[in-house]
Amino acid sequence: MDKTMNILFVCHGNICRSPMAEFVFKDMVRREGASDLFHIESAATTNEEIGNPPHPGTCAVLAREGIEIGQKRARRIREADYQDYDLIIGMDEENMRSLERFFRGDPDHKLYKLLSFAGTDRDVADPWYTGDFDVTFDDIMSGCTGLLFFLKRECGL
């Protein structure tokens, strides 16, 4: 890769799925020795959780896996994010519709649904509603593994 790859993971509130994906993917690229090639963050499509830390269920799953999350606080997507990020990755169809509406389309083809990198059109279920952070973690691992493979193949990581 010739430049830093900027990746933004997005979900409804930025306390469950998108921070989980952010820190899982940061851990994956760190293990590849490629942290300096990436800038990875996460954000929400709504204002509901702005300023809040990740959900305790997200924290517990990541801690069990030995993945650090630091002092993450939820933030909302900003108009500048479309220009600032190379890939903007939503967790479900609702996120994708919100992103397309917010950014007034996707002229540069930056918007992807996470599990598309795992070869499926399924949504990453929101554990806020399901209560099952382990299933969400498994889906995020699948999507992030596929994303890493995609970046290796397409960008020469």
C-alpha atoms as a PDB file:
ATOM      1  CA  MET A   1       0.000   0.000   0.000  1.00  0.00           C
ATOM      2  CA  ASP A   2       1.285   3.425  -0.932  1.00  0.00           C
ATOM      3  CA  LYS A   3      -0.563   5.359   1.788  1.00  0.00           C
ATOM      4  CA  THR A   4      -2.389   4.866   5.039  1.00  0.00           C
ATOM      5  CA  MET A   5      -5.725   3.069   4.606  1.00  0.00           C
ATOM      6  CA  ASN A   6      -8.439   4.888   6.563  1.00  0.00           C
ATOM      7  CA  ILE A   7     -11.299   2.614   7.664  1.00  0.00           C
ATOM      8  CA  LEU A   8     -14.446   3.627   9.546  1.00  0.00           C
ATOM      9  CA  PHE A   9     -16.772   0.989  11.019  1.00  0.00           C
ATOM     10  CA  VAL A  10     -20.344   2.183  11.618  1.00  0.00           C
ATOM     11  CA  CYS A  11     -23.368   0.930  13.541  1.00  0.00           C
ATOM     12  CA  HIS A  12     -26.463   2.456  15.126  1.00  0.00           C
ATOM     13  CA  GLY A  13     -25.053   3.703  18.432  1.00  0.00           C
ATOM     14  CA  ASN A  14     -21.276   3.071  18.295  1.00  0.00           C
ATOM     15  CA  ILE A  15     -21.268   1.145  21.566  1.00  0.00           C
ATOM     16  CA  CYS A  16     -21.637  -2.511  20.471  1.00  0.00           C
ATOM     17  CA  ARG A  17     -20.841  -3.673  16.936  1.00  0.00           C
ATOM     18  CA  SER A  18     -18.754  -0.894  15.392  1.00  0.00           C
ATOM     19  CA  PRO A  19     -16.340  -0.495  18.324  1.00  0.00           C
ATOM     20  CA  MET A  20     -16.047  -4.292  18.449  1.00  0.00           C
ATOM     21  CA  ALA A  21     -15.124  -4.283  14.742  1.00  0.00           C
ATOM     22  CA  GLU A  22     -12.765  -1.326  15.233  1.00  0.00           C
ATOM     23  CA  PHE A  23     -10.743  -3.047  17.925  1.00  0.00           C
ATOM     24  CA  VAL A  24     -10.880  -6.521  16.367  1.00  0.00           C
ATOM     25  CA  PHE A  25      -9.516  -5.110  13.112  1.00  0.00           C
ATOM     26  CA  LYS A  26      -6.873  -3.021  14.904  1.00  0.00           C
ATOM     27  CA  ASP A  27      -5.761  -6.221  16.642  1.00  0.00           C
ATOM     28  CA  MET A  28      -5.664  -8.133  13.334  1.00  0.00           C
ATOM     29  CA  VAL A  29      -3.500  -5.554  11.555  1.00  0.00           C
ATOM     30  CA  ARG A  30      -1.254  -5.284  14.624  1.00  0.00           C
ATOM     31  CA  ARG A  31      -0.684  -9.055  14.488  1.00  0.00           C
ATOM     32  CA  GLU A  32       0.191  -8.657  10.788  1.00  0.00           C
ATOM     33  CA  GLY A  33       2.774  -6.002  11.704  1.00  0.00           C
ATOM     34  CA  ALA A  34       0.813  -3.483   9.645  1.00  0.00           C
ATOM     35  CA  SER A  35      -0.604  -1.068  12.226  1.00  0.00           C
ATOM     36  CA  ASP A  36       1.286   1.844  10.707  1.00  0.00           C
ATOM     37  CA  LEU A  37      -0.529   1.266   7.390  1.00  0.00           C
ATOM     38  CA  PHE A  38      -3.988   1.891   8.885  1.00  0.00           C
ATOM     39  CA  HIS A  39      -6.104   4.474  10.640  1.00  0.00           C
ATOM     40  CA  ILE A  40      -9.151   2.668  12.040  1.00  0.00           C
ATOM     41  CA  GLU A  41     -12.093   4.199  13.913  1.00  0.00           C
ATOM     42  CA  SER A  42     -15.798   3.673  14.459  1.00  0.00           C
ATOM     43  CA  ALA A  43     -18.887   5.880  14.614  1.00  0.00           C
ATOM     44  CA  ALA A  44     -22.677   5.872  14.975  1.00  0.00           C
ATOM     45  CA  THR A  45     -25.470   6.744  12.582  1.00  0.00           C
ATOM     46  CA  THR A  46     -27.470   8.282  15.462  1.00  0.00           C
ATOM     47  CA  ASN A  47     -26.915  10.632  18.402  1.00  0.00           C
ATOM     48  CA  GLU A  48     -28.362   8.249  21.007  1.00  0.00           C
ATOM     49  CA  GLU A  49     -25.115   7.084  22.640  1.00  0.00           C
ATOM     50  CA  ILE A  50     -22.699   9.934  21.834  1.00  0.00           C
ATOM     51  CA  GLY A  51     -19.989  10.193  24.493  1.00  0.00           C
ATOM     52  CA  ASN A  52     -20.782   6.826  26.059  1.00  0.00           C
ATOM     53  CA  PRO A  53     -18.187   4.053  26.419  1.00  0.00           C
ATOM     54  CA  PRO A  54     -18.621   0.702  24.658  1.00  0.00           C
ATOM     55  CA  HIS A  55     -21.345  -1.578  26.024  1.00  0.00           C
ATOM     56  CA  PRO A  56     -20.178  -3.836  28.893  1.00  0.00           C
ATOM     57  CA  GLY A  57     -20.963  -6.885  26.724  1.00  0.00           C
ATOM     58  CA  THR A  58     -18.603  -5.622  24.005  1.00  0.00           C
ATOM     59  CA  CYS A  59     -15.940  -4.904  26.620  1.00  0.00           C
ATOM     60  CA  ALA A  60     -16.311  -8.380  28.149  1.00  0.00           C
ATOM     61  CA  VAL A  61     -15.998 -10.225  24.815  1.00  0.00           C
ATOM     62  CA  LEU A  62     -12.969  -8.172  23.760  1.00  0.00           C
ATOM     63  CA  ALA A  63     -11.305  -8.584  27.177  1.00  0.00           C
ATOM     64  CA  ARG A  64     -11.839 -12.357  27.000  1.00  0.00           C
ATOM     65  CA  GLU A  65     -10.087 -12.332  23.610  1.00  0.00           C
ATOM     66  CA  GLY A  66      -7.215 -10.191  24.939  1.00  0.00           C
ATOM     67  CA  ILE A  67      -8.143  -7.199  22.763  1.00  0.00           C
ATOM     68  CA  GLU A  68      -7.570  -3.747  24.270  1.00  0.00           C
ATOM     69  CA  ILE A  69     -10.186  -1.014  23.780  1.00  0.00           C
ATOM     70  CA  GLY A  70      -8.739   1.934  25.683  1.00  0.00           C
ATOM     71  CA  GLN A  71     -10.894   4.984  26.357  1.00  0.00           C
ATOM     72  CA  LYS A  72     -13.229   4.737  23.351  1.00  0.00           C
ATOM     73  CA  ARG A  73     -16.288   7.015  23.410  1.00  0.00           C
ATOM     74  CA  ALA A  74     -19.163   6.891  20.930  1.00  0.00           C
ATOM     75  CA  ARG A  75     -19.226   9.526  18.210  1.00  0.00           C
ATOM     76  CA  ARG A  76     -21.574  10.237  15.332  1.00  0.00           C
ATOM     77  CA  ILE A  77     -20.600  10.147  11.665  1.00  0.00           C
ATOM     78  CA  ARG A  78     -19.650  13.522  10.181  1.00  0.00           C
ATOM     79  CA  GLU A  79     -19.945  14.800   6.623  1.00  0.00           C
ATOM     80  CA  ALA A  80     -16.129  14.995   6.413  1.00  0.00           C
ATOM     81  CA  ASP A  81     -15.894  11.240   7.089  1.00  0.00           C
ATOM     82  CA  TYR A  82     -16.747  10.472   3.479  1.00  0.00           C
ATOM     83  CA  GLN A  83     -13.669  12.335   2.279  1.00  0.00           C
ATOM     84  CA  ASP A  84     -11.475  11.280   5.212  1.00  0.00           C
ATOM     85  CA  TYR A  85     -12.026   7.500   4.989  1.00  0.00           C
ATOM     86  CA  ASP A  86     -11.244   5.046   2.184  1.00  0.00           C
ATOM     87  CA  LEU A  87     -13.758   2.452   3.396  1.00  0.00           C
ATOM     88  CA  ILE A  88     -16.886   3.067   5.482  1.00  0.00           C
ATOM     89  CA  ILE A  89     -18.267  -0.243   6.690  1.00  0.00           C
ATOM     90  CA  GLY A  90     -21.771  -0.671   8.117  1.00  0.00           C
ATOM     91  CA  MET A  91     -23.050  -3.600  10.133  1.00  0.00           C
ATOM     92  CA  ASP A  92     -26.561  -4.013   8.698  1.00  0.00           C
ATOM     93  CA  GLU A  93     -28.987  -2.847   6.008  1.00  0.00           C
ATOM     94  CA  GLU A  94     -30.366  -0.078   8.220  1.00  0.00           C
ATOM     95  CA  ASN A  95     -26.834   1.286   8.708  1.00  0.00           C
ATOM     96  CA  MET A  96     -26.230   1.133   4.961  1.00  0.00           C
ATOM     97  CA  ARG A  97     -29.425   3.076   4.190  1.00  0.00           C
ATOM     98  CA  SER A  98     -28.518   5.658   6.837  1.00  0.00           C
ATOM     99  CA  LEU A  99     -25.001   6.038   5.422  1.00  0.00           C
ATOM    100  CA  GLU A 100     -26.234   6.450   1.847  1.00  0.00           C
ATOM    101  CA  ARG A 101     -28.796   9.020   2.991  1.00  0.00           C
ATOM    102  CA  PHE A 102     -26.321  10.893   5.201  1.00  0.00           C
ATOM    103  CA  PHE A 103     -23.605  11.049   2.527  1.00  0.00           C
ATOM    104  CA  ARG A 104     -26.161  11.644  -0.263  1.00  0.00           C
ATOM    105  CA  GLY A 105     -25.146   8.511  -2.125  1.00  0.00           C
ATOM    106  CA  ASP A 106     -21.838   6.760  -2.579  1.00  0.00           C
ATOM    107  CA  PRO A 107     -20.175   8.234  -5.686  1.00  0.00           C
ATOM    108  CA  ASP A 108     -16.714   6.923  -4.759  1.00  0.00           C
ATOM    109  CA  HIS A 109     -17.926   3.398  -3.827  1.00  0.00           C
ATOM    110  CA  LYS A 110     -16.626   3.526  -0.262  1.00  0.00           C
ATOM    111  CA  LEU A 111     -19.654   2.041   1.516  1.00  0.00           C
ATOM    112  CA  TYR A 112     -19.661  -1.684   2.308  1.00  0.00           C
ATOM    113  CA  LYS A 113     -21.560  -3.975   4.624  1.00  0.00           C
ATOM    114  CA  LEU A 114     -19.112  -5.876   6.855  1.00  0.00           C
ATOM    115  CA  LEU A 115     -20.275  -9.403   6.124  1.00  0.00           C
ATOM    116  CA  SER A 116     -19.983  -8.793   2.365  1.00  0.00           C
ATOM    117  CA  PHE A 117     -16.252  -9.370   2.955  1.00  0.00           C
ATOM    118  CA  ALA A 118     -17.178 -12.824   4.314  1.00  0.00           C
ATOM    119  CA  GLY A 119     -19.171 -13.639   1.182  1.00  0.00           C
ATOM    120  CA  THR A 120     -22.662 -13.131   2.602  1.00  0.00           C
ATOM    121  CA  ASP A 121     -25.297 -10.410   2.577  1.00  0.00           C
ATOM    122  CA  ARG A 122     -26.347 -11.164   6.177  1.00  0.00           C
ATOM    123  CA  ASP A 123     -26.476  -8.415   8.793  1.00  0.00           C
ATOM    124  CA  VAL A 124     -24.333  -8.463  11.919  1.00  0.00           C
ATOM    125  CA  ALA A 125     -27.066  -8.840  14.545  1.00  0.00           C
ATOM    126  CA  ASP A 126     -27.217  -6.046  17.101  1.00  0.00           C
ATOM    127  CA  PRO A 127     -26.429  -7.533  20.527  1.00  0.00           C
ATOM    128  CA  TRP A 128     -28.192  -4.562  22.147  1.00  0.00           C
ATOM    129  CA  TYR A 129     -31.366  -6.395  21.113  1.00  0.00           C
ATOM    130  CA  THR A 130     -30.228 -10.039  20.949  1.00  0.00           C
ATOM    131  CA  GLY A 131     -28.084 -10.007  24.096  1.00  0.00           C
ATOM    132  CA  ASP A 132     -25.705 -12.423  22.347  1.00  0.00           C
ATOM    133  CA  PHE A 133     -22.331 -10.700  22.096  1.00  0.00           C
ATOM    134  CA  ASP A 134     -20.609 -13.992  21.225  1.00  0.00           C
ATOM    135  CA  VAL A 135     -22.586 -14.424  17.990  1.00  0.00           C
ATOM    136  CA  THR A 136     -21.862 -10.789  17.127  1.00  0.00           C
ATOM    137  CA  PHE A 137     -18.169 -11.340  17.829  1.00  0.00           C
ATOM    138  CA  ASP A 138     -18.101 -14.411  15.559  1.00  0.00           C
ATOM    139  CA  ASP A 139     -19.718 -12.429  12.728  1.00  0.00           C
ATOM    140  CA  ILE A 140     -17.331  -9.530  13.216  1.00  0.00           C
ATOM    141  CA  MET A 141     -14.362 -11.907  13.182  1.00  0.00           C
ATOM    142  CA  SER A 142     -15.621 -13.399   9.909  1.00  0.00           C
ATOM    143  CA  GLY A 143     -16.161  -9.986   8.334  1.00  0.00           C
ATOM    144  CA  CYS A 144     -12.849  -8.561   9.520  1.00  0.00           C
ATOM    145  CA  THR A 145     -10.955 -11.674   8.399  1.00  0.00           C
ATOM    146  CA  GLY A 146     -12.538 -11.289   4.966  1.00  0.00           C
ATOM    147  CA  LEU A 147     -11.724  -7.577   4.944  1.00  0.00           C
ATOM    148  CA  LEU A 148      -8.082  -8.291   5.733  1.00  0.00           C
ATOM    149  CA  PHE A 149      -7.947 -10.885   2.938  1.00  0.00           C
ATOM    150  CA  PHE A 150      -9.589  -8.363   0.560  1.00  0.00           C
ATOM    151  CA  LEU A 151      -7.018  -5.684   1.454  1.00  0.00           C
ATOM    152  CA  LYS A 152      -4.138  -8.112   0.995  1.00  0.00           C
ATOM    153  CA  ARG A 153      -5.447  -9.116  -2.425  1.00  0.00           C
ATOM    154  CA  GLU A 154      -6.624  -5.699  -3.688  1.00  0.00           C
ATOM    155  CA  CYS A 155      -4.156  -3.327  -2.053  1.00  0.00           C
ATOM    156  CA  GLY A 156      -1.033  -5.412  -1.662  1.00  0.00           C
ATOM    157  CA  LEU A 157      -0.969  -5.300   2.119  1.00  0.00           C
END
